[in-house]
Amino acid sequence: MAKYRVAVGLLCGAGFTSLLLLLIKLSSPSGIALLLSLLLLPGGAIAHFLAKSPESDPPLLVLAANIVVYAAVSFVGLFIFGRGVAPEKMRLATIRLMSPVALLIGLACTPTFNPLWPRGMTELTKQEKALRDALPVGIGMDGARSVLRSKGIQFQEETETSKAVVVNRTAGSMTAAAGDRVISARLETQASQFPCGYDIEVVLLFGPDERMKDQYINRLRLCP
């Protein structure tokens, strides 16, 4: 009897988690998708701890962690409320759940149907590199303006009147001296990993001679 409870609990956990991912995909982007995604937080926290990644967690690890969490919840529910269920009924429930749960898991493991799967990240890396190569340290302000305009990137300029930190991120920081010129911009991209998207942040630092002293061109994670 116990083995059937474990099997049914595991199948319920896997089926619920997989169905949840598919519903998030179908309802995204919307408030419903964000509300449903809250149900992924328990497994997401476990996956984040195991992956130890500041950026994102492996989608399949998040899936597996949530399956374990909801399988445990299902098993406890069966233990409390299913004591009077006959072993034969538990065995039949196990058999009947196998096919639909296997289908749901298969869909949830497919990037097209899994909203947790990263999208456009390779292209994002290419865009970052292309911008860094096009805006090397030492380029003049006029040249930098031309590059940004040619790529359709709107930008702002300002002159620092005193020493100041102009960017301070995990990926790096930049400090300007009095009289330095700063060009800043943000490029929208299609890269995302649910529920966050990514932009490219551009900060260019020029000295009084209008030659670039430093550059910061990195992805910026934007989450609801």
N, C-alpha and C. Protein backbone atom coordinates (compact mmCIF):
# COMPACT_ATOMS: atom_id res chain seq x y z
N MET A 1 0.83 -1.22 0.00
CA MET A 1 0.00 0.00 0.00
C MET A 1 0.86 1.26 0.00
N ALA A 2 1.93 1.25 0.80
CA ALA A 2 2.79 2.43 0.91
C ALA A 2 3.44 2.77 -0.42
N LYS A 3 3.85 1.74 -1.18
CA LYS A 3 4.54 2.01 -2.44
C LYS A 3 3.59 2.66 -3.45
N TYR A 4 2.30 2.30 -3.37
CA TYR A 4 1.34 2.92 -4.28
C TYR A 4 1.08 4.37 -3.89
N ARG A 5 1.07 4.65 -2.60
CA ARG A 5 0.91 6.04 -2.15
C ARG A 5 2.08 6.89 -2.63
N VAL A 6 3.29 6.34 -2.52
CA VAL A 6 4.46 7.07 -2.99
C VAL A 6 4.38 7.29 -4.50
N ALA A 7 3.98 6.25 -5.23
CA ALA A 7 3.89 6.36 -6.69
C ALA A 7 2.83 7.38 -7.10
N VAL A 8 1.65 7.31 -6.46
CA VAL A 8 0.59 8.27 -6.79
C VAL A 8 1.00 9.69 -6.40
N GLY A 9 1.65 9.83 -5.25
CA GLY A 9 2.12 11.15 -4.82
C GLY A 9 3.12 11.72 -5.81
N LEU A 10 4.06 10.89 -6.27
CA LEU A 10 5.06 11.35 -7.23
C LEU A 10 4.42 11.73 -8.56
N LEU A 11 3.45 10.92 -9.01
CA LEU A 11 2.77 11.21 -10.27
C LEU A 11 1.93 12.49 -10.16
N CYS A 12 1.29 12.68 -9.01
CA CYS A 12 0.49 13.90 -8.80
C CYS A 12 1.40 15.13 -8.78
N GLY A 13 2.53 15.02 -8.11
CA GLY A 13 3.47 16.14 -8.06
C GLY A 13 4.02 16.48 -9.43
N ALA A 14 4.36 15.44 -10.20
CA ALA A 14 4.90 15.67 -11.54
C ALA A 14 3.82 16.23 -12.47
N GLY A 15 2.62 15.68 -12.38
CA GLY A 15 1.54 16.16 -13.24
C GLY A 15 1.14 17.59 -12.92
N PHE A 16 1.03 17.91 -11.63
CA PHE A 16 0.65 19.27 -11.24
C PHE A 16 1.70 20.28 -11.67
N THR A 17 2.97 19.98 -11.43
CA THR A 17 4.04 20.93 -11.79
C THR A 17 4.09 21.14 -13.30
N SER A 18 3.99 20.05 -14.06
CA SER A 18 4.05 20.16 -15.52
C SER A 18 2.85 20.94 -16.06
N LEU A 19 1.67 20.65 -15.53
CA LEU A 19 0.47 21.38 -15.96
C LEU A 19 0.57 22.85 -15.60
N LEU A 20 1.14 23.14 -14.46
CA LEU A 20 1.31 24.53 -14.03
C LEU A 20 2.19 25.30 -15.01
N LEU A 21 3.29 24.68 -15.44
CA LEU A 21 4.17 25.33 -16.41
C LEU A 21 3.45 25.59 -17.73
N LEU A 22 2.67 24.64 -18.17
CA LEU A 22 1.94 24.80 -19.43
C LEU A 22 0.89 25.92 -19.32
N LEU A 23 0.23 26.01 -18.18
CA LEU A 23 -0.76 27.07 -17.98
C LEU A 23 -0.09 28.44 -17.94
N ILE A 24 1.09 28.51 -17.33
CA ILE A 24 1.83 29.78 -17.30
C ILE A 24 2.19 30.19 -18.73
N LYS A 25 2.63 29.23 -19.52
CA LYS A 25 2.99 29.52 -20.91
C LYS A 25 1.78 30.01 -21.70
N LEU A 26 0.64 29.36 -21.51
CA LEU A 26 -0.56 29.72 -22.25
C LEU A 26 -1.10 31.10 -21.85
N SER A 27 -0.96 31.45 -20.59
CA SER A 27 -1.53 32.72 -20.10
C SER A 27 -0.52 33.86 -20.10
N SER A 28 0.72 33.59 -20.48
CA SER A 28 1.75 34.63 -20.47
C SER A 28 1.67 35.46 -21.75
N PRO A 29 1.92 36.78 -21.68
CA PRO A 29 2.16 37.57 -20.46
C PRO A 29 0.85 38.10 -19.89
N SER A 30 0.62 37.88 -18.64
CA SER A 30 -0.58 38.39 -17.99
C SER A 30 -0.40 38.29 -16.48
N GLY A 31 -1.32 38.92 -15.76
CA GLY A 31 -1.27 38.83 -14.31
C GLY A 31 -1.52 37.42 -13.82
N ILE A 32 -2.32 36.66 -14.59
CA ILE A 32 -2.60 35.28 -14.21
C ILE A 32 -1.31 34.46 -14.23
N ALA A 33 -0.50 34.69 -15.25
CA ALA A 33 0.77 33.97 -15.35
C ALA A 33 1.68 34.27 -14.17
N LEU A 34 1.69 35.53 -13.76
CA LEU A 34 2.53 35.90 -12.61
C LEU A 34 2.01 35.26 -11.33
N LEU A 35 0.69 35.22 -11.18
CA LEU A 35 0.12 34.59 -9.98
C LEU A 35 0.42 33.09 -9.96
N LEU A 36 0.29 32.44 -11.11
CA LEU A 36 0.59 31.01 -11.19
C LEU A 36 2.07 30.74 -10.92
N SER A 37 2.92 31.66 -11.35
CA SER A 37 4.36 31.46 -11.17
C SER A 37 4.75 31.48 -9.70
N LEU A 38 3.91 32.08 -8.85
CA LEU A 38 4.21 32.08 -7.41
C LEU A 38 4.22 30.66 -6.86
N LEU A 39 3.46 29.76 -7.50
CA LEU A 39 3.41 28.37 -7.05
C LEU A 39 4.72 27.64 -7.34
N LEU A 40 5.57 28.24 -8.17
CA LEU A 40 6.86 27.63 -8.48
C LEU A 40 7.96 28.08 -7.52
N LEU A 41 7.63 29.00 -6.63
CA LEU A 41 8.65 29.54 -5.73
C LEU A 41 9.29 28.49 -4.82
N PRO A 42 8.52 27.54 -4.25
CA PRO A 42 9.16 26.56 -3.36
C PRO A 42 10.29 25.79 -4.05
N GLY A 43 9.98 25.23 -5.21
CA GLY A 43 11.01 24.50 -5.95
C GLY A 43 12.07 25.43 -6.51
N GLY A 44 11.64 26.64 -6.87
CA GLY A 44 12.61 27.61 -7.39
C GLY A 44 13.66 27.97 -6.37
N ALA A 45 13.24 28.10 -5.11
CA ALA A 45 14.19 28.42 -4.04
C ALA A 45 15.20 27.29 -3.86
N ILE A 46 14.71 26.05 -3.93
CA ILE A 46 15.60 24.89 -3.80
C ILE A 46 16.57 24.84 -4.98
N ALA A 47 16.06 25.06 -6.19
CA ALA A 47 16.91 25.03 -7.38
C ALA A 47 17.96 26.13 -7.34
N HIS A 48 17.58 27.31 -6.85
CA HIS A 48 18.52 28.42 -6.77
C HIS A 48 19.64 28.10 -5.79
N PHE A 49 19.28 27.46 -4.68
CA PHE A 49 20.29 27.08 -3.69
C PHE A 49 21.25 26.04 -4.27
N LEU A 50 20.70 25.07 -5.01
CA LEU A 50 21.54 24.02 -5.57
C LEU A 50 22.40 24.52 -6.72
N ALA A 51 21.83 25.39 -7.57
CA ALA A 51 22.56 25.89 -8.73
C ALA A 51 23.58 26.95 -8.35
N LYS A 52 23.27 27.73 -7.30
CA LYS A 52 24.16 28.80 -6.84
C LYS A 52 24.52 29.76 -7.98
N SER A 53 23.49 30.12 -8.76
CA SER A 53 23.69 31.02 -9.89
C SER A 53 23.01 32.35 -9.60
N PRO A 54 23.74 33.49 -9.70
CA PRO A 54 23.13 34.79 -9.44
C PRO A 54 22.20 35.25 -10.55
N GLU A 55 22.32 34.65 -11.74
CA GLU A 55 21.53 35.10 -12.89
C GLU A 55 20.24 34.32 -13.05
N SER A 56 20.36 33.03 -13.23
CA SER A 56 19.17 32.22 -13.51
C SER A 56 19.39 30.79 -13.06
N ASP A 57 18.30 30.05 -12.95
CA ASP A 57 18.36 28.66 -12.51
C ASP A 57 18.00 27.74 -13.68
N PRO A 58 18.66 26.58 -13.79
CA PRO A 58 18.35 25.65 -14.88
C PRO A 58 16.88 25.26 -14.87
N PRO A 59 16.17 25.40 -15.99
CA PRO A 59 14.73 25.11 -16.03
C PRO A 59 14.38 23.70 -15.57
N LEU A 60 15.17 22.71 -16.00
CA LEU A 60 14.85 21.34 -15.62
C LEU A 60 15.08 21.11 -14.13
N LEU A 61 16.02 21.84 -13.54
CA LEU A 61 16.25 21.73 -12.10
C LEU A 61 15.07 22.33 -11.34
N VAL A 62 14.55 23.45 -11.83
CA VAL A 62 13.36 24.05 -11.22
C VAL A 62 12.17 23.11 -11.33
N LEU A 63 12.03 22.49 -12.50
CA LEU A 63 10.95 21.52 -12.71
C LEU A 63 11.07 20.35 -11.73
N ALA A 64 12.26 19.77 -11.64
CA ALA A 64 12.47 18.61 -10.77
C ALA A 64 12.26 18.97 -9.31
N ALA A 65 12.74 20.14 -8.89
CA ALA A 65 12.60 20.56 -7.49
C ALA A 65 11.13 20.74 -7.12
N ASN A 66 10.36 21.33 -8.03
CA ASN A 66 8.93 21.52 -7.75
C ASN A 66 8.18 20.19 -7.75
N ILE A 67 8.60 19.26 -8.59
CA ILE A 67 7.98 17.93 -8.58
C ILE A 67 8.18 17.28 -7.22
N VAL A 68 9.39 17.38 -6.68
CA VAL A 68 9.66 16.81 -5.36
C VAL A 68 8.81 17.47 -4.29
N VAL A 69 8.71 18.81 -4.35
CA VAL A 69 7.93 19.55 -3.35
C VAL A 69 6.46 19.12 -3.39
N TYR A 70 5.86 19.13 -4.60
CA TYR A 70 4.43 18.82 -4.68
C TYR A 70 4.15 17.33 -4.56
N ALA A 71 5.14 16.50 -4.85
CA ALA A 71 4.99 15.07 -4.59
C ALA A 71 4.91 14.82 -3.08
N ALA A 72 5.74 15.56 -2.33
CA ALA A 72 5.72 15.43 -0.87
C ALA A 72 4.37 15.90 -0.31
N VAL A 73 3.86 17.01 -0.87
CA VAL A 73 2.55 17.52 -0.43
C VAL A 73 1.46 16.49 -0.74
N SER A 74 1.52 15.91 -1.93
CA SER A 74 0.52 14.91 -2.33
C SER A 74 0.59 13.67 -1.44
N PHE A 75 1.81 13.24 -1.14
CA PHE A 75 1.97 12.05 -0.30
C PHE A 75 1.39 12.28 1.10
N VAL A 76 1.66 13.46 1.65
CA VAL A 76 1.10 13.78 2.97
C VAL A 76 -0.42 13.78 2.92
N GLY A 77 -0.99 14.37 1.84
CA GLY A 77 -2.44 14.39 1.68
C GLY A 77 -3.02 13.00 1.58
N LEU A 78 -2.34 12.13 0.83
CA LEU A 78 -2.81 10.75 0.71
C LEU A 78 -2.70 10.00 2.03
N PHE A 79 -1.65 10.29 2.76
CA PHE A 79 -1.46 9.61 4.05
C PHE A 79 -2.56 10.00 5.04
N ILE A 80 -2.98 11.28 4.98
CA ILE A 80 -3.99 11.76 5.93
C ILE A 80 -5.40 11.38 5.49
N PHE A 81 -5.69 11.61 4.19
CA PHE A 81 -7.07 11.44 3.73
C PHE A 81 -7.31 10.13 2.97
N GLY A 82 -6.26 9.41 2.66
CA GLY A 82 -6.46 8.20 1.86
C GLY A 82 -6.23 6.90 2.59
N ARG A 83 -6.35 6.95 3.90
CA ARG A 83 -6.10 5.73 4.68
C ARG A 83 -7.11 4.63 4.39
N GLY A 84 -8.34 5.02 4.07
CA GLY A 84 -9.38 4.03 3.85
C GLY A 84 -9.46 3.52 2.43
N VAL A 85 -8.59 4.04 1.55
CA VAL A 85 -8.63 3.61 0.14
C VAL A 85 -7.99 2.23 0.01
N ALA A 86 -8.65 1.34 -0.70
CA ALA A 86 -8.15 -0.01 -0.87
C ALA A 86 -6.88 -0.02 -1.73
N PRO A 87 -5.95 -0.93 -1.44
CA PRO A 87 -4.71 -1.03 -2.22
C PRO A 87 -4.96 -1.19 -3.72
N GLU A 88 -6.02 -1.94 -4.08
CA GLU A 88 -6.30 -2.16 -5.50
C GLU A 88 -6.66 -0.85 -6.20
N LYS A 89 -7.40 0.01 -5.52
CA LYS A 89 -7.75 1.31 -6.10
C LYS A 89 -6.52 2.20 -6.27
N MET A 90 -5.60 2.12 -5.32
CA MET A 90 -4.36 2.90 -5.43
C MET A 90 -3.52 2.40 -6.59
N ARG A 91 -3.52 1.08 -6.78
CA ARG A 91 -2.75 0.50 -7.89
C ARG A 91 -3.35 0.94 -9.23
N LEU A 92 -4.68 0.92 -9.33
CA LEU A 92 -5.34 1.37 -10.56
C LEU A 92 -5.09 2.85 -10.82
N ALA A 93 -5.12 3.64 -9.75
CA ALA A 93 -4.85 5.08 -9.90
C ALA A 93 -3.44 5.31 -10.43
N THR A 94 -2.49 4.52 -9.93
CA THR A 94 -1.11 4.63 -10.39
C THR A 94 -1.01 4.34 -11.89
N ILE A 95 -1.65 3.27 -12.32
CA ILE A 95 -1.61 2.88 -13.74
C ILE A 95 -2.26 3.93 -14.63
N ARG A 96 -3.42 4.44 -14.18
CA ARG A 96 -4.16 5.41 -15.00
C ARG A 96 -3.46 6.77 -15.09
N LEU A 97 -2.70 7.10 -14.09
CA LEU A 97 -2.01 8.40 -14.09
C LEU A 97 -0.74 8.40 -14.93
N MET A 98 -0.18 7.24 -15.19
CA MET A 98 1.14 7.17 -15.84
C MET A 98 1.17 7.84 -17.20
N SER A 99 0.21 7.49 -18.07
CA SER A 99 0.23 8.02 -19.44
C SER A 99 0.02 9.53 -19.51
N PRO A 100 -1.04 10.09 -18.87
CA PRO A 100 -1.22 11.55 -18.96
C PRO A 100 -0.09 12.32 -18.29
N VAL A 101 0.44 11.80 -17.20
CA VAL A 101 1.55 12.50 -16.53
C VAL A 101 2.81 12.46 -17.40
N ALA A 102 3.05 11.33 -18.04
CA ALA A 102 4.21 11.22 -18.93
C ALA A 102 4.10 12.23 -20.07
N LEU A 103 2.88 12.41 -20.61
CA LEU A 103 2.65 13.38 -21.68
C LEU A 103 2.92 14.80 -21.19
N LEU A 104 2.40 15.13 -20.00
CA LEU A 104 2.59 16.46 -19.44
C LEU A 104 4.07 16.75 -19.18
N ILE A 105 4.79 15.76 -18.64
CA ILE A 105 6.22 15.94 -18.38
C ILE A 105 6.98 16.16 -19.69
N GLY A 106 6.62 15.38 -20.71
CA GLY A 106 7.27 15.54 -22.01
C GLY A 106 7.09 16.94 -22.57
N LEU A 107 5.87 17.48 -22.46
CA LEU A 107 5.61 18.85 -22.93
C LEU A 107 6.37 19.87 -22.09
N ALA A 108 6.39 19.66 -20.77
CA ALA A 108 7.06 20.61 -19.87
C ALA A 108 8.57 20.61 -20.07
N CYS A 109 9.13 19.52 -20.57
CA CYS A 109 10.58 19.45 -20.81
C CYS A 109 10.95 20.00 -22.19
N THR A 110 9.96 20.39 -22.98
CA THR A 110 10.21 20.94 -24.32
C THR A 110 10.33 22.46 -24.22
N PRO A 111 11.45 23.04 -24.69
CA PRO A 111 11.64 24.49 -24.57
C PRO A 111 10.47 25.33 -25.09
N THR A 112 9.82 24.87 -26.16
CA THR A 112 8.71 25.63 -26.75
C THR A 112 7.56 25.82 -25.77
N PHE A 113 7.33 24.82 -24.93
CA PHE A 113 6.18 24.86 -24.02
C PHE A 113 6.57 25.20 -22.58
N ASN A 114 7.84 25.33 -22.32
CA ASN A 114 8.30 25.61 -20.96
C ASN A 114 8.68 27.08 -20.83
N PRO A 115 7.91 27.88 -20.09
CA PRO A 115 8.20 29.31 -19.98
C PRO A 115 9.48 29.61 -19.22
N LEU A 116 10.01 28.62 -18.48
CA LEU A 116 11.23 28.84 -17.72
C LEU A 116 12.47 28.79 -18.60
N TRP A 117 12.32 28.26 -19.81
CA TRP A 117 13.48 28.09 -20.67
C TRP A 117 13.98 29.45 -21.18
N PRO A 118 15.29 29.69 -21.09
CA PRO A 118 15.83 30.98 -21.58
C PRO A 118 15.56 31.15 -23.07
N ARG A 119 15.30 32.40 -23.46
CA ARG A 119 15.06 32.71 -24.87
C ARG A 119 15.90 33.91 -25.29
N GLY A 120 16.58 33.75 -26.40
CA GLY A 120 17.37 34.86 -26.95
C GLY A 120 18.65 35.16 -26.22
N MET A 121 19.12 34.27 -25.36
CA MET A 121 20.31 34.56 -24.57
C MET A 121 21.59 34.52 -25.42
N THR A 122 21.62 33.63 -26.40
CA THR A 122 22.79 33.58 -27.29
C THR A 122 22.90 34.86 -28.10
N GLU A 123 21.77 35.32 -28.61
CA GLU A 123 21.76 36.57 -29.37
C GLU A 123 22.13 37.75 -28.46
N LEU A 124 21.71 37.71 -27.22
CA LEU A 124 22.06 38.76 -26.27
C LEU A 124 23.57 38.84 -26.09
N THR A 125 24.22 37.71 -25.94
CA THR A 125 25.68 37.68 -25.80
C THR A 125 26.36 38.25 -27.03
N LYS A 126 25.83 37.92 -28.21
CA LYS A 126 26.39 38.44 -29.46
C LYS A 126 26.23 39.96 -29.55
N GLN A 127 25.06 40.46 -29.12
CA GLN A 127 24.82 41.90 -29.15
C GLN A 127 25.79 42.64 -28.22
N GLU A 128 26.00 42.07 -27.04
CA GLU A 128 26.93 42.70 -26.10
C GLU A 128 28.33 42.78 -26.70
N LYS A 129 28.78 41.68 -27.27
CA LYS A 129 30.13 41.65 -27.86
C LYS A 129 30.25 42.62 -29.02
N ALA A 130 29.22 42.67 -29.86
CA ALA A 130 29.25 43.56 -31.01
C ALA A 130 29.35 45.02 -30.57
N LEU A 131 28.63 45.39 -29.52
CA LEU A 131 28.70 46.76 -29.02
C LEU A 131 30.06 47.06 -28.41
N ARG A 132 30.61 46.12 -27.66
CA ARG A 132 31.94 46.35 -27.08
C ARG A 132 33.00 46.52 -28.16
N ASP A 133 32.89 45.69 -29.21
CA ASP A 133 33.86 45.79 -30.31
C ASP A 133 33.71 47.09 -31.08
N ALA A 134 32.46 47.56 -31.20
CA ALA A 134 32.22 48.79 -31.97
C ALA A 134 32.55 50.05 -31.17
N LEU A 135 32.64 49.90 -29.84
CA LEU A 135 32.91 51.05 -28.97
C LEU A 135 34.14 50.76 -28.10
N PRO A 136 35.31 50.65 -28.72
CA PRO A 136 36.51 50.33 -27.95
C PRO A 136 37.01 51.51 -27.13
N VAL A 137 37.72 51.22 -26.08
CA VAL A 137 38.36 52.27 -25.29
C VAL A 137 39.32 53.03 -26.19
N GLY A 138 39.28 54.37 -26.14
CA GLY A 138 40.12 55.22 -26.98
C GLY A 138 39.36 55.88 -28.11
N ILE A 139 38.15 55.39 -28.41
CA ILE A 139 37.36 56.00 -29.47
C ILE A 139 36.93 57.40 -29.05
N GLY A 140 36.78 58.30 -30.01
CA GLY A 140 36.37 59.66 -29.72
C GLY A 140 34.86 59.75 -29.48
N MET A 141 34.43 60.84 -28.88
CA MET A 141 33.00 61.01 -28.60
C MET A 141 32.18 61.05 -29.88
N ASP A 142 32.69 61.74 -30.91
CA ASP A 142 31.95 61.81 -32.17
C ASP A 142 31.78 60.42 -32.78
N GLY A 143 32.85 59.63 -32.69
CA GLY A 143 32.78 58.26 -33.22
C GLY A 143 31.78 57.41 -32.46
N ALA A 144 31.76 57.56 -31.13
CA ALA A 144 30.82 56.80 -30.30
C ALA A 144 29.38 57.21 -30.60
N ARG A 145 29.16 58.51 -30.76
CA ARG A 145 27.81 58.97 -31.11
C ARG A 145 27.36 58.37 -32.44
N SER A 146 28.27 58.34 -33.40
CA SER A 146 27.93 57.81 -34.72
C SER A 146 27.56 56.33 -34.64
N VAL A 147 28.33 55.57 -33.86
CA VAL A 147 28.05 54.14 -33.70
C VAL A 147 26.66 53.93 -33.09
N LEU A 148 26.36 54.67 -32.03
CA LEU A 148 25.07 54.52 -31.37
C LEU A 148 23.92 54.91 -32.29
N ARG A 149 24.10 56.00 -33.01
CA ARG A 149 23.04 56.44 -33.94
C ARG A 149 22.84 55.42 -35.05
N SER A 150 23.93 54.84 -35.55
CA SER A 150 23.82 53.87 -36.64
C SER A 150 23.06 52.62 -36.22
N LYS A 151 23.07 52.32 -34.92
CA LYS A 151 22.36 51.16 -34.39
C LYS A 151 20.97 51.52 -33.87
N GLY A 152 20.59 52.78 -34.05
CA GLY A 152 19.27 53.21 -33.62
C GLY A 152 19.11 53.30 -32.11
N ILE A 153 20.21 53.53 -31.41
CA ILE A 153 20.18 53.58 -29.95
C ILE A 153 20.12 55.03 -29.48
N GLN A 154 19.09 55.37 -28.74
CA GLN A 154 18.99 56.71 -28.16
C GLN A 154 19.89 56.79 -26.92
N PHE A 155 20.52 57.93 -26.73
CA PHE A 155 21.46 58.05 -25.61
C PHE A 155 21.38 59.43 -24.99
N GLN A 156 21.94 59.52 -23.79
CA GLN A 156 22.00 60.79 -23.07
C GLN A 156 23.47 61.13 -22.76
N GLU A 157 23.73 62.43 -22.66
CA GLU A 157 25.08 62.88 -22.32
C GLU A 157 25.03 63.82 -21.12
N GLU A 158 26.07 63.75 -20.30
CA GLU A 158 26.18 64.71 -19.20
C GLU A 158 27.64 64.86 -18.81
N THR A 159 27.95 66.00 -18.23
CA THR A 159 29.30 66.30 -17.76
C THR A 159 29.30 66.26 -16.24
N GLU A 160 30.21 65.50 -15.66
CA GLU A 160 30.29 65.38 -14.21
C GLU A 160 31.01 66.60 -13.63
N THR A 161 30.42 67.20 -12.60
CA THR A 161 31.02 68.38 -11.97
C THR A 161 31.91 68.00 -10.79
N SER A 162 31.83 66.74 -10.37
CA SER A 162 32.67 66.26 -9.28
C SER A 162 32.85 64.75 -9.42
N LYS A 163 33.74 64.20 -8.64
CA LYS A 163 33.96 62.75 -8.69
C LYS A 163 32.68 62.03 -8.31
N ALA A 164 32.30 61.04 -9.10
CA ALA A 164 31.03 60.34 -8.85
C ALA A 164 31.07 58.94 -9.44
N VAL A 165 30.34 58.03 -8.80
CA VAL A 165 30.16 56.67 -9.33
C VAL A 165 29.02 56.73 -10.34
N VAL A 166 29.33 56.43 -11.59
CA VAL A 166 28.31 56.54 -12.63
C VAL A 166 27.61 55.20 -12.91
N VAL A 167 28.24 54.10 -12.52
CA VAL A 167 27.58 52.79 -12.62
C VAL A 167 28.17 51.88 -11.56
N ASN A 168 27.30 51.13 -10.91
CA ASN A 168 27.74 50.21 -9.87
C ASN A 168 26.86 48.96 -9.92
N ARG A 169 27.32 47.96 -10.65
CA ARG A 169 26.57 46.72 -10.83
C ARG A 169 27.43 45.54 -10.40
N THR A 170 26.78 44.39 -10.34
CA THR A 170 27.51 43.16 -10.02
C THR A 170 28.58 42.88 -11.06
N ALA A 171 28.28 43.20 -12.33
CA ALA A 171 29.22 42.94 -13.42
C ALA A 171 30.38 43.92 -13.46
N GLY A 172 30.29 45.02 -12.74
CA GLY A 172 31.38 46.01 -12.74
C GLY A 172 30.90 47.37 -12.28
N SER A 173 31.84 48.26 -12.09
CA SER A 173 31.51 49.62 -11.67
C SER A 173 32.41 50.61 -12.42
N MET A 174 32.02 51.89 -12.35
CA MET A 174 32.78 52.92 -13.05
C MET A 174 32.66 54.23 -12.29
N THR A 175 33.79 54.90 -12.11
CA THR A 175 33.80 56.17 -11.40
C THR A 175 34.34 57.26 -12.31
N ALA A 176 33.62 58.38 -12.36
CA ALA A 176 34.02 59.51 -13.20
C ALA A 176 34.66 60.59 -12.34
N ALA A 177 35.62 61.30 -12.92
CA ALA A 177 36.25 62.43 -12.26
C ALA A 177 35.56 63.71 -12.71
N ALA A 178 35.80 64.77 -11.98
CA ALA A 178 35.21 66.06 -12.35
C ALA A 178 35.67 66.44 -13.75
N GLY A 179 34.72 66.86 -14.59
CA GLY A 179 35.02 67.24 -15.96
C GLY A 179 34.88 66.12 -16.97
N ASP A 180 34.72 64.88 -16.50
CA ASP A 180 34.52 63.76 -17.42
C ASP A 180 33.14 63.84 -18.06
N ARG A 181 33.04 63.31 -19.28
CA ARG A 181 31.76 63.26 -19.99
C ARG A 181 31.25 61.82 -19.97
N VAL A 182 29.95 61.67 -19.80
CA VAL A 182 29.34 60.34 -19.74
C VAL A 182 28.23 60.23 -20.77
N ILE A 183 28.31 59.18 -21.58
CA ILE A 183 27.22 58.84 -22.50
C ILE A 183 26.57 57.57 -21.96
N SER A 184 25.26 57.60 -21.80
CA SER A 184 24.55 56.43 -21.28
C SER A 184 23.38 56.10 -22.18
N ALA A 185 23.06 54.81 -22.26
CA ALA A 185 21.95 54.35 -23.10
C ALA A 185 21.49 52.99 -22.61
N ARG A 186 20.30 52.62 -23.04
CA ARG A 186 19.77 51.30 -22.72
C ARG A 186 19.13 50.73 -23.97
N LEU A 187 19.57 49.54 -24.34
CA LEU A 187 19.08 48.89 -25.55
C LEU A 187 18.14 47.76 -25.18
N GLU A 188 16.89 47.83 -25.66
CA GLU A 188 15.92 46.77 -25.40
C GLU A 188 16.25 45.55 -26.24
N THR A 189 16.07 44.36 -25.67
CA THR A 189 16.32 43.11 -26.39
C THR A 189 15.13 42.18 -26.23
N GLN A 190 15.16 41.08 -26.97
CA GLN A 190 14.11 40.06 -26.88
C GLN A 190 14.50 38.93 -25.93
N ALA A 191 15.67 39.04 -25.30
CA ALA A 191 16.14 37.97 -24.41
C ALA A 191 15.31 37.95 -23.13
N SER A 192 15.04 36.74 -22.63
CA SER A 192 14.25 36.62 -21.41
C SER A 192 14.42 35.25 -20.78
N GLN A 193 14.18 35.20 -19.50
CA GLN A 193 13.97 33.95 -18.79
C GLN A 193 12.91 34.24 -17.74
N PHE A 194 11.76 33.62 -17.90
CA PHE A 194 10.58 33.95 -17.11
C PHE A 194 10.91 34.02 -15.61
N PRO A 195 10.44 35.06 -14.94
CA PRO A 195 9.58 36.14 -15.44
C PRO A 195 10.35 37.40 -15.82
N CYS A 196 11.65 37.28 -16.03
CA CYS A 196 12.49 38.45 -16.24
C CYS A 196 12.88 38.61 -17.71
N GLY A 197 13.10 39.87 -18.11
CA GLY A 197 13.64 40.17 -19.42
C GLY A 197 15.01 40.79 -19.27
N TYR A 198 15.67 41.06 -20.38
CA TYR A 198 17.01 41.63 -20.35
C TYR A 198 17.13 42.80 -21.32
N ASP A 199 17.74 43.88 -20.86
CA ASP A 199 18.18 44.97 -21.70
C ASP A 199 19.71 45.00 -21.68
N ILE A 200 20.30 45.78 -22.56
CA ILE A 200 21.74 46.00 -22.52
C ILE A 200 21.98 47.43 -22.06
N GLU A 201 22.72 47.57 -20.99
CA GLU A 201 23.03 48.88 -20.43
C GLU A 201 24.39 49.34 -20.96
N VAL A 202 24.42 50.55 -21.47
CA VAL A 202 25.64 51.11 -22.05
C VAL A 202 26.01 52.38 -21.30
N VAL A 203 27.22 52.41 -20.74
CA VAL A 203 27.75 53.61 -20.09
C VAL A 203 29.17 53.81 -20.60
N LEU A 204 29.40 54.95 -21.23
CA LEU A 204 30.71 55.25 -21.80
C LEU A 204 31.29 56.47 -21.11
N LEU A 205 32.55 56.37 -20.68
CA LEU A 205 33.19 57.43 -19.92
C LEU A 205 34.31 58.06 -20.75
N PHE A 206 34.23 59.39 -20.91
CA PHE A 206 35.21 60.13 -21.71
C PHE A 206 35.92 61.17 -20.84
N GLY A 207 37.21 61.33 -21.11
CA GLY A 207 37.98 62.36 -20.41
C GLY A 207 37.80 63.71 -21.06
N PRO A 208 38.46 64.74 -20.52
CA PRO A 208 38.36 66.09 -21.10
C PRO A 208 38.82 66.15 -22.55
N ASP A 209 39.66 65.20 -22.98
CA ASP A 209 40.12 65.18 -24.37
C ASP A 209 39.12 64.51 -25.30
N GLU A 210 37.95 64.12 -24.74
CA GLU A 210 36.88 63.48 -25.49
C GLU A 210 37.28 62.13 -26.08
N ARG A 211 38.20 61.45 -25.40
CA ARG A 211 38.56 60.09 -25.74
C ARG A 211 38.02 59.15 -24.66
N MET A 212 37.49 57.98 -25.08
CA MET A 212 36.90 57.08 -24.10
C MET A 212 37.95 56.53 -23.15
N LYS A 213 37.67 56.70 -21.85
CA LYS A 213 38.54 56.17 -20.80
C LYS A 213 38.11 54.78 -20.34
N ASP A 214 36.81 54.54 -20.38
CA ASP A 214 36.28 53.27 -19.88
C ASP A 214 34.90 53.03 -20.48
N GLN A 215 34.50 51.77 -20.48
CA GLN A 215 33.18 51.42 -21.00
C GLN A 215 32.54 50.38 -20.10
N TYR A 216 31.23 50.46 -20.00
CA TYR A 216 30.44 49.42 -19.32
C TYR A 216 29.30 49.05 -20.24
N ILE A 217 29.37 47.84 -20.81
CA ILE A 217 28.35 47.35 -21.72
C ILE A 217 27.98 45.95 -21.26
N ASN A 218 26.87 45.84 -20.55
CA ASN A 218 26.47 44.56 -19.98
C ASN A 218 24.95 44.45 -19.93
N ARG A 219 24.48 43.21 -19.81
CA ARG A 219 23.04 42.94 -19.70
C ARG A 219 22.49 43.43 -18.36
N LEU A 220 21.27 43.87 -18.40
CA LEU A 220 20.58 44.34 -17.21
C LEU A 220 19.30 43.51 -17.05
N ARG A 221 19.21 42.79 -15.94
CA ARG A 221 18.05 41.93 -15.71
C ARG A 221 16.90 42.75 -15.17
N LEU A 222 15.73 42.63 -15.80
CA LEU A 222 14.55 43.40 -15.43
C LEU A 222 13.45 42.43 -15.04
N CYS A 223 13.08 42.43 -13.77
CA CYS A 223 12.07 41.51 -13.26
C CYS A 223 10.86 42.28 -12.73
N PRO A 224 9.66 41.70 -12.82
CA PRO A 224 8.46 42.37 -12.32
C PRO A 224 8.55 42.67 -10.83
